[in-house]
Amino acid sequence: MGLKLHSTLKIVILLVICMLSFYSISAQDDNQKSDFWKNVRFGGGIGLSTGNNIFSATLAPSAIYDFNSQFSLGVTLNGTYLSQKNFAKSTILGAGIISLYNPIPAIQLSGEFEQNHVSRNFDDPKRMDDNYWIPSFFIGAGYRTRNVTIGVRYDVLYDENKSITANAWAPFVRVYF
């Protein structure tokens, strides 16, 4: 399963690089931004999740392409630190695809697929440390004002033993410029 997920991540990254290369090559004038780059915004989000003796913090830079005022699609990178008191500490690094939909300017709905690599170190020397890949698929909703969205998202693939957040629900703050 890990090999299949790793291959999927490679394909996603390759497609994004090809898409960006195609549009940057097709720019007509060096002094004038192409239509593609006029619609690209950079930013990302931060996440925080807490529970019983669990703390998780995430930093996730991303770039999105605005197809119109309602729909955007992009790519994300993320890094997460997770600490489970008296149990384990984990470092998570990953990449993903994000889609944003604004049915009205103040409301933002999102879907995010992430592929993450987890390195988990247990406090108990009797337990073996582990490394593994895990997918996440978040659906979310938030209040949007200008460049900032504050909301909550839910991981539909949440696995209590392997997922990277303390629980399936996680608040977020997302900013794009």
Protein backbone atom coordinates (compact mmCIF):
# COMPACT_ATOMS: atom_id res chain seq x y z
CA MET A 1 0.00 0.00 0.00
CA GLY A 2 2.86 2.42 0.83
CA LEU A 3 4.36 2.01 -2.66
CA LYS A 4 0.99 2.80 -4.28
CA LEU A 5 0.57 5.98 -2.18
CA HIS A 6 4.15 7.05 -2.90
CA SER A 7 3.51 6.61 -6.65
CA THR A 8 0.33 8.68 -6.43
CA LEU A 9 2.24 11.51 -4.75
CA LYS A 10 4.89 11.44 -7.50
CA ILE A 11 2.20 11.66 -10.19
CA VAL A 12 0.51 14.63 -8.50
CA ILE A 13 3.81 16.52 -8.17
CA LEU A 14 4.74 15.74 -11.79
CA LEU A 15 1.37 17.00 -13.06
CA VAL A 16 1.70 20.25 -11.12
CA ILE A 17 5.24 20.84 -12.41
CA CYS A 18 4.11 20.15 -16.01
CA MET A 19 1.14 22.50 -15.66
CA LEU A 20 3.26 25.32 -14.22
CA SER A 21 5.97 24.81 -16.86
CA PHE A 22 3.46 24.89 -19.71
CA TYR A 23 1.94 28.15 -18.58
CA SER A 24 5.24 29.87 -17.81
CA ILE A 25 6.61 28.94 -21.26
CA SER A 26 3.49 30.25 -22.97
CA ALA A 27 3.80 33.77 -21.50
CA GLN A 28 3.72 36.27 -24.40
CA ASP A 29 5.71 39.14 -22.91
CA ASP A 30 8.37 39.04 -20.17
CA ASN A 31 7.23 42.43 -18.86
CA GLN A 32 3.59 41.41 -18.68
CA LYS A 33 2.19 38.63 -16.50
CA SER A 34 0.46 35.86 -18.39
CA ASP A 35 -3.22 35.32 -17.67
CA PHE A 36 -2.25 32.19 -15.76
CA TRP A 37 -0.02 33.98 -13.22
CA LYS A 38 -2.60 36.77 -12.73
CA ASN A 39 -4.90 34.08 -11.34
CA VAL A 40 -2.37 32.37 -9.05
CA ARG A 41 -2.39 33.20 -5.35
CA PHE A 42 0.05 32.07 -2.70
CA GLY A 43 -0.60 31.55 0.97
CA GLY A 44 -1.67 28.62 3.02
CA GLY A 45 -2.90 27.74 6.42
CA ILE A 46 -2.13 26.82 9.95
CA GLY A 47 -3.87 24.17 11.98
CA LEU A 48 -4.19 23.32 15.63
CA SER A 49 -5.82 20.29 17.17
CA THR A 50 -5.99 19.28 20.82
CA GLY A 51 -7.59 16.46 22.73
CA ASN A 52 -6.94 14.25 25.75
CA ASN A 53 -3.17 14.64 26.24
CA ILE A 54 -2.70 15.27 22.50
CA PHE A 55 -1.33 18.34 20.73
CA SER A 56 -0.96 18.82 16.97
CA ALA A 57 0.22 21.91 15.06
CA THR A 58 0.45 22.24 11.27
CA LEU A 59 1.98 24.74 8.84
CA ALA A 60 0.78 24.33 5.24
CA PRO A 61 1.98 26.70 2.48
CA SER A 62 0.12 26.44 -0.81
CA ALA A 63 -0.55 27.95 -4.22
CA ILE A 64 -3.98 28.08 -5.83
CA TYR A 65 -5.29 28.99 -9.26
CA ASP A 66 -8.53 31.00 -9.31
CA PHE A 67 -10.64 29.73 -12.22
CA ASN A 68 -13.24 32.38 -11.36
CA SER A 69 -14.51 34.20 -8.26
CA GLN A 70 -16.07 30.99 -6.93
CA PHE A 71 -13.70 28.09 -7.69
CA SER A 72 -9.97 27.60 -7.03
CA LEU A 73 -7.69 24.58 -7.26
CA GLY A 74 -4.12 24.22 -6.06
CA VAL A 75 -1.33 22.31 -4.40
CA THR A 76 -0.17 22.25 -0.80
CA LEU A 77 2.83 21.25 1.22
CA ASN A 78 2.55 20.63 4.92
CA GLY A 79 4.52 19.96 8.04
CA THR A 80 2.97 18.81 11.29
CA TYR A 81 4.28 18.18 14.78
CA LEU A 82 2.21 15.83 16.94
CA SER A 83 2.79 15.03 20.60
CA GLN A 84 0.83 12.46 22.59
CA LYS A 85 1.73 12.86 26.27
CA ASN A 86 3.62 9.86 27.68
CA PHE A 87 3.17 7.98 24.41
CA ALA A 88 4.88 9.35 21.27
CA LYS A 89 6.08 12.35 19.28
CA SER A 90 5.65 12.50 15.52
CA THR A 91 6.88 14.57 12.60
CA ILE A 92 4.68 14.58 9.52
CA LEU A 93 5.61 15.91 6.08
CA GLY A 94 3.34 15.78 3.07
CA ALA A 95 1.81 17.26 -0.06
CA GLY A 96 -1.67 17.50 -1.43
CA ILE A 97 -4.31 19.02 -3.65
CA ILE A 98 -6.83 21.60 -2.43
CA SER A 99 -10.08 22.78 -3.99
CA LEU A 100 -11.99 25.82 -2.77
CA TYR A 101 -15.55 26.78 -3.59
CA ASN A 102 -17.21 30.06 -2.56
CA PRO A 103 -21.00 29.79 -3.10
CA ILE A 104 -21.21 33.36 -1.75
CA PRO A 105 -18.23 35.64 -0.98
CA ALA A 106 -18.43 35.10 2.81
CA ILE A 107 -18.61 31.27 2.76
CA GLN A 108 -15.82 28.95 1.62
CA LEU A 109 -16.19 25.19 1.21
CA SER A 110 -13.08 23.08 0.73
CA GLY A 111 -11.88 19.63 -0.17
CA GLU A 112 -8.26 18.63 0.48
CA PHE A 113 -6.50 15.38 -0.31
CA GLU A 114 -3.13 14.96 1.40
CA GLN A 115 -0.52 12.24 1.30
CA ASN A 116 1.65 12.33 4.43
CA HIS A 117 4.76 10.58 5.67
CA VAL A 118 4.75 9.98 9.41
CA SER A 119 7.83 9.41 11.55
CA ARG A 120 6.71 8.37 15.03
CA ASN A 121 9.02 8.00 18.04
CA PHE A 122 7.56 6.27 21.10
CA ASP A 123 8.41 7.26 24.66
CA ASP A 124 8.26 3.62 25.81
CA PRO A 125 11.49 1.86 24.72
CA LYS A 126 9.52 -1.42 24.51
CA ARG A 127 7.56 -0.04 21.56
CA MET A 128 9.21 0.08 18.15
CA ASP A 129 9.36 3.50 16.43
CA ASP A 130 7.68 3.54 13.04
CA ASN A 131 7.52 5.33 9.70
CA TYR A 132 4.55 5.09 7.34
CA TRP A 133 2.49 6.87 4.67
CA ILE A 134 -1.14 7.84 5.32
CA PRO A 135 -3.72 9.65 3.19
CA SER A 136 -6.18 12.24 4.53
CA PHE A 137 -9.24 13.64 2.83
CA PHE A 138 -10.62 16.76 4.50
CA ILE A 139 -13.93 18.45 3.79
CA GLY A 140 -14.32 21.87 5.36
CA ALA A 141 -16.30 25.05 5.68
CA GLY A 142 -15.32 28.49 6.81
CA TYR A 143 -16.14 32.14 7.04
CA ARG A 144 -14.19 34.18 4.47
CA THR A 145 -13.39 37.87 4.62
CA ARG A 146 -11.06 39.22 1.93
CA ASN A 147 -7.92 37.01 1.98
CA VAL A 148 -8.61 35.16 5.25
CA THR A 149 -10.83 32.15 5.93
CA ILE A 150 -11.48 30.76 9.42
CA GLY A 151 -13.28 27.46 9.72
CA VAL A 152 -13.28 23.79 10.56
CA ARG A 153 -12.51 20.69 8.50
CA TYR A 154 -13.25 16.98 8.90
CA ASP A 155 -11.01 14.07 7.83
CA VAL A 156 -13.29 11.44 6.29
CA LEU A 157 -10.37 8.95 6.22
CA TYR A 158 -9.56 9.47 9.92
CA ASP A 159 -7.90 6.45 11.60
CA GLU A 160 -7.61 6.78 15.38
CA ASN A 161 -4.31 4.84 15.44
CA LYS A 162 -2.51 6.37 12.44
CA SER A 163 -4.05 9.74 11.46
CA ILE A 164 -2.04 12.89 11.95
CA THR A 165 -4.61 14.91 13.90
CA ALA A 166 -5.87 14.39 17.45
CA ASN A 167 -9.38 13.79 16.13
CA ALA A 168 -11.24 13.94 12.82
CA TRP A 169 -12.33 17.58 13.39
CA ALA A 170 -9.72 20.34 13.13
CA PRO A 171 -10.06 24.14 13.07
CA PHE A 172 -8.07 26.07 10.45
CA VAL A 173 -7.01 29.56 9.40
CA ARG A 174 -6.26 29.92 5.69
CA VAL A 175 -4.74 33.04 4.04
CA TYR A 176 -4.10 33.76 0.32
CA PHE A 177 -2.53 36.81 -1.33
